[in-house]
Amino acid sequence: MALHAKKLQYRVEEVTPGVGQFEIFKISGQKQLPIIVDDNDQIINDSSVICEYINKKNDHNPLFPKDPLLFAQCKLIENWADTTMASICKKALVKSAIENSRLRTALLPDEIPSSVKGLFDKLPFKNLSKISNVVLPSKDNFGLQKILEALSKSLIDKRYLIGDNLSIADISIAAQLSLLKFPKSSGTILSGEGCQEYINNPYLENLFVWRHNLEEYLFSANSQ
């Protein structure tokens, strides 16, 4: 989303979990994604550092406001989204995958044969469902939903979270929302799947619509 917002040309290299991460380690010294390799073979890792780097590549659509107060607000939201929100969203997805067989199957890589996916779906997850609340404590779940409900309400008559332009705050929140409800860009199998208690929360409907519209615009031909 950040690369599209900055109108930078790029090529995506998909990494297979496990084996592919060893190659990433050889390149960058770490197994965690994302990383980017620029035209000069410079390697940059960590999503926040990457966004700051590509923001300097050209002056089009700055991701960080010049106003000091708006800049501080963006950085606070970005940091919260990349830490607290990301952690809870990952746990919420794991919890939902334990409880939802269709989601478990959808999350499996495309290269796995359908016959194997069918066997995986029949594994006895009932006992694991008993501990799903341990994966995501109700306190964390409730706390995240309340914050997201507030964000959803604040966007009823607004296009962006901070100021009048797209910023890193919008991108960081929209990215994490994809773990709660997968967007169209996730493909036909995953699109619309996710954490049902978030998806079915009527107070979050506007937030998911906002995320959808933001992604549709950034990935549209008109924005390129």
Protein backbone atom coordinates (compact mmCIF):
# COMPACT_ATOMS: atom_id res chain seq x y z
CA MET A 1 0.00 0.00 0.00
CA ALA A 2 2.84 2.39 0.83
CA LEU A 3 4.64 1.60 -2.43
CA HIS A 4 1.45 2.24 -4.40
CA ALA A 5 0.80 5.46 -2.52
CA LYS A 6 4.30 6.68 -3.44
CA LYS A 7 3.85 5.50 -7.04
CA LEU A 8 7.08 3.47 -6.95
CA GLN A 9 7.68 0.52 -9.26
CA TYR A 10 8.41 -2.74 -7.47
CA ARG A 11 8.45 -6.51 -7.82
CA VAL A 12 7.09 -8.84 -5.14
CA GLU A 13 9.06 -11.93 -4.16
CA GLU A 14 6.82 -14.34 -2.25
CA VAL A 15 8.54 -16.26 0.53
CA THR A 16 7.49 -19.77 1.55
CA PRO A 17 7.38 -20.03 5.37
CA GLY A 18 10.19 -22.18 6.69
CA VAL A 19 12.47 -22.96 3.74
CA GLY A 20 12.16 -19.51 2.15
CA GLN A 21 13.05 -17.80 5.40
CA PHE A 22 16.55 -19.31 5.34
CA GLU A 23 17.15 -17.49 2.07
CA ILE A 24 15.89 -14.27 3.65
CA PHE A 25 18.31 -14.83 6.52
CA LYS A 26 21.21 -15.14 4.07
CA ILE A 27 20.22 -11.86 2.44
CA SER A 28 19.32 -9.75 5.45
CA GLY A 29 20.61 -11.54 8.55
CA GLN A 30 17.07 -12.06 9.83
CA LYS A 31 14.07 -14.31 9.06
CA GLN A 32 11.37 -11.73 9.63
CA LEU A 33 9.58 -10.01 6.76
CA PRO A 34 9.15 -7.59 5.13
CA ILE A 35 12.44 -6.57 3.62
CA ILE A 36 13.13 -4.60 0.46
CA VAL A 37 16.14 -4.55 -1.84
CA ASP A 38 16.54 -1.26 -3.70
CA ASP A 39 18.14 -0.53 -7.08
CA ASN A 40 21.56 -0.36 -5.44
CA ASP A 41 21.10 -3.73 -3.69
CA GLN A 42 20.72 -1.97 -0.37
CA ILE A 43 18.67 -4.07 2.07
CA ILE A 44 16.16 -2.38 4.35
CA ASN A 45 14.07 -4.28 6.91
CA ASP A 46 11.31 -3.45 9.40
CA SER A 47 8.08 -2.03 8.00
CA SER A 48 8.43 1.35 9.76
CA VAL A 49 11.98 1.86 8.51
CA ILE A 50 10.95 0.76 5.01
CA CYS A 51 8.10 3.28 4.91
CA GLU A 52 10.42 6.07 6.04
CA TYR A 53 12.91 5.03 3.35
CA ILE A 54 10.45 4.92 0.45
CA ASN A 55 8.91 8.18 1.64
CA LYS A 56 12.23 9.82 0.78
CA LYS A 57 12.41 8.23 -2.67
CA ASN A 58 10.17 10.93 -4.15
CA ASP A 59 8.02 13.84 -3.06
CA HIS A 60 4.73 12.42 -4.31
CA ASN A 61 2.09 11.74 -1.65
CA PRO A 62 4.18 12.13 1.52
CA LEU A 63 3.33 9.46 4.10
CA PHE A 64 4.26 11.69 7.04
CA PRO A 65 2.63 15.11 7.65
CA LYS A 66 4.88 18.14 7.97
CA ASP A 67 2.82 19.58 10.83
CA PRO A 68 4.58 18.48 14.07
CA LEU A 69 1.37 17.59 15.91
CA LEU A 70 -0.04 15.56 13.01
CA PHE A 71 3.34 13.88 12.54
CA ALA A 72 3.41 12.87 16.22
CA GLN A 73 -0.16 11.53 16.00
CA CYS A 74 0.75 9.47 12.92
CA LYS A 75 3.82 7.98 14.59
CA LEU A 76 1.83 7.10 17.72
CA ILE A 77 -0.85 5.33 15.68
CA GLU A 78 1.75 3.55 13.55
CA ASN A 79 3.62 2.33 16.62
CA TRP A 80 0.40 1.10 18.28
CA ALA A 81 -0.71 -0.66 15.10
CA ASP A 82 2.67 -2.37 14.62
CA THR A 83 2.90 -3.57 18.22
CA THR A 84 -0.26 -3.86 20.34
CA MET A 85 -2.78 -4.10 17.51
CA ALA A 86 -0.62 -6.49 15.47
CA SER A 87 -0.11 -8.81 18.43
CA ILE A 88 -3.82 -9.00 19.29
CA CYS A 89 -4.89 -9.37 15.65
CA LYS A 90 -2.52 -12.32 15.18
CA LYS A 91 -3.90 -13.99 18.31
CA ALA A 92 -7.47 -13.30 17.15
CA LEU A 93 -6.71 -14.97 13.82
CA VAL A 94 -5.19 -18.03 15.52
CA LYS A 95 -8.20 -18.25 17.85
CA SER A 96 -10.58 -18.04 14.89
CA ALA A 97 -8.63 -20.66 12.95
CA ILE A 98 -8.91 -23.04 15.92
CA GLU A 99 -12.67 -22.55 16.05
CA ASN A 100 -13.45 -22.27 12.31
CA SER A 101 -12.62 -25.22 10.03
CA ARG A 102 -13.34 -23.24 6.85
CA LEU A 103 -10.86 -20.55 7.87
CA ARG A 104 -8.22 -23.17 8.73
CA THR A 105 -8.52 -24.67 5.27
CA ALA A 106 -8.48 -21.26 3.56
CA LEU A 107 -5.26 -20.32 5.35
CA LEU A 108 -3.37 -23.33 3.97
CA PRO A 109 -0.96 -22.51 1.09
CA ASP A 110 -2.37 -22.89 -2.45
CA GLU A 111 0.24 -25.48 -3.40
CA ILE A 112 -1.14 -28.01 -0.90
CA PRO A 113 -3.40 -30.51 -2.76
CA SER A 114 -7.12 -30.31 -2.02
CA SER A 115 -7.09 -33.92 -0.79
CA VAL A 116 -4.53 -33.01 1.88
CA LYS A 117 -6.52 -29.90 2.81
CA GLY A 118 -9.55 -32.13 3.30
CA LEU A 119 -7.63 -34.38 5.71
CA PHE A 120 -6.36 -31.36 7.61
CA ASP A 121 -9.91 -30.09 7.99
CA LYS A 122 -10.94 -33.39 9.63
CA LEU A 123 -8.26 -33.30 12.32
CA PRO A 124 -9.68 -33.28 15.89
CA PHE A 125 -9.55 -29.58 16.77
CA LYS A 126 -12.40 -29.81 19.29
CA ASN A 127 -10.05 -30.22 22.23
CA LEU A 128 -7.99 -27.24 21.07
CA SER A 129 -11.10 -25.06 20.90
CA LYS A 130 -11.37 -25.34 24.66
CA ILE A 131 -8.16 -23.38 25.04
CA SER A 132 -8.90 -20.78 22.34
CA ASN A 133 -9.74 -18.21 25.01
CA VAL A 134 -6.25 -18.72 26.42
CA VAL A 135 -4.78 -17.73 23.05
CA LEU A 136 -6.68 -14.44 23.13
CA PRO A 137 -7.79 -13.34 26.61
CA SER A 138 -11.23 -11.72 26.62
CA LYS A 139 -9.74 -8.55 28.14
CA ASP A 140 -7.42 -8.02 25.16
CA ASN A 141 -10.19 -8.90 22.72
CA PHE A 142 -12.66 -6.49 24.30
CA GLY A 143 -10.05 -3.71 24.54
CA LEU A 144 -9.12 -3.91 20.86
CA GLN A 145 -12.74 -3.95 19.74
CA LYS A 146 -13.50 -0.80 21.75
CA ILE A 147 -10.57 1.08 20.18
CA LEU A 148 -11.52 -0.10 16.70
CA GLU A 149 -15.13 0.92 17.29
CA ALA A 150 -13.92 4.41 18.19
CA LEU A 151 -11.81 4.55 15.01
CA SER A 152 -14.77 3.33 12.98
CA LYS A 153 -16.99 6.06 14.40
CA SER A 154 -14.36 8.73 13.76
CA LEU A 155 -14.22 7.78 10.05
CA ILE A 156 -17.93 8.13 9.34
CA ASP A 157 -17.47 11.55 7.73
CA LYS A 158 -13.73 11.34 7.09
CA ARG A 159 -11.53 9.72 4.48
CA TYR A 160 -8.32 9.66 6.49
CA LEU A 161 -7.43 9.14 10.15
CA ILE A 162 -5.06 12.09 10.46
CA GLY A 163 -5.48 15.35 8.56
CA ASP A 164 -6.77 15.57 4.99
CA ASN A 165 -4.30 13.28 3.27
CA LEU A 166 -3.28 9.63 3.27
CA SER A 167 -0.61 8.93 5.87
CA ILE A 168 1.29 6.11 7.49
CA ALA A 169 -1.45 6.04 10.14
CA ASP A 170 -4.03 4.91 7.56
CA ILE A 171 -1.71 2.31 6.02
CA SER A 172 -0.65 0.79 9.34
CA ILE A 173 -4.23 0.41 10.62
CA ALA A 174 -5.54 -0.89 7.28
CA ALA A 175 -2.75 -3.47 7.08
CA GLN A 176 -3.54 -4.97 10.48
CA LEU A 177 -7.28 -5.02 9.75
CA SER A 178 -6.48 -7.54 7.02
CA LEU A 179 -5.85 -10.15 9.73
CA LEU A 180 -9.36 -9.62 11.10
CA LYS A 181 -11.09 -9.64 7.70
CA PHE A 182 -9.10 -10.57 4.63
CA PRO A 183 -9.43 -8.08 1.74
CA LYS A 184 -9.99 -8.84 -1.95
CA SER A 185 -6.25 -8.66 -2.56
CA SER A 186 -5.90 -11.87 -0.49
CA GLY A 187 -7.51 -13.88 -3.30
CA THR A 188 -10.90 -15.49 -3.78
CA ILE A 189 -10.38 -18.22 -1.17
CA LEU A 190 -9.43 -15.90 1.71
CA SER A 191 -11.36 -12.77 0.73
CA GLY A 192 -14.02 -12.00 3.35
CA GLU A 193 -12.77 -14.68 5.74
CA GLY A 194 -11.39 -13.85 9.16
CA CYS A 195 -12.43 -13.36 12.76
CA GLN A 196 -16.20 -13.62 12.88
CA GLU A 197 -16.69 -11.74 16.15
CA TYR A 198 -15.00 -8.72 14.55
CA ILE A 199 -16.62 -9.16 11.15
CA ASN A 200 -20.08 -9.49 12.72
CA ASN A 201 -19.62 -6.48 15.00
CA PRO A 202 -21.95 -3.84 13.46
CA TYR A 203 -19.92 -1.01 14.98
CA LEU A 204 -16.89 -2.10 12.93
CA GLU A 205 -18.67 -2.31 9.59
CA ASN A 206 -17.71 1.24 8.62
CA LEU A 207 -14.06 0.55 9.47
CA PHE A 208 -13.90 -2.45 7.14
CA VAL A 209 -15.66 -0.45 4.39
CA TRP A 210 -13.07 2.30 4.87
CA ARG A 211 -10.24 -0.24 4.58
CA HIS A 212 -11.82 -1.70 1.44
CA ASN A 213 -12.22 1.71 -0.22
CA LEU A 214 -8.66 2.70 0.67
CA GLU A 215 -7.24 -0.45 -0.86
CA GLU A 216 -9.46 -0.21 -3.93
CA TYR A 217 -8.19 3.32 -4.58
CA LEU A 218 -4.49 2.57 -4.00
CA PHE A 219 -4.52 -0.53 -6.21
CA SER A 220 -6.69 1.00 -8.95
CA ALA A 221 -5.29 2.02 -12.32
CA ASN A 222 -6.33 5.63 -11.69
CA SER A 223 -3.99 5.94 -8.71
CA GLN A 224 -0.90 4.69 -10.55
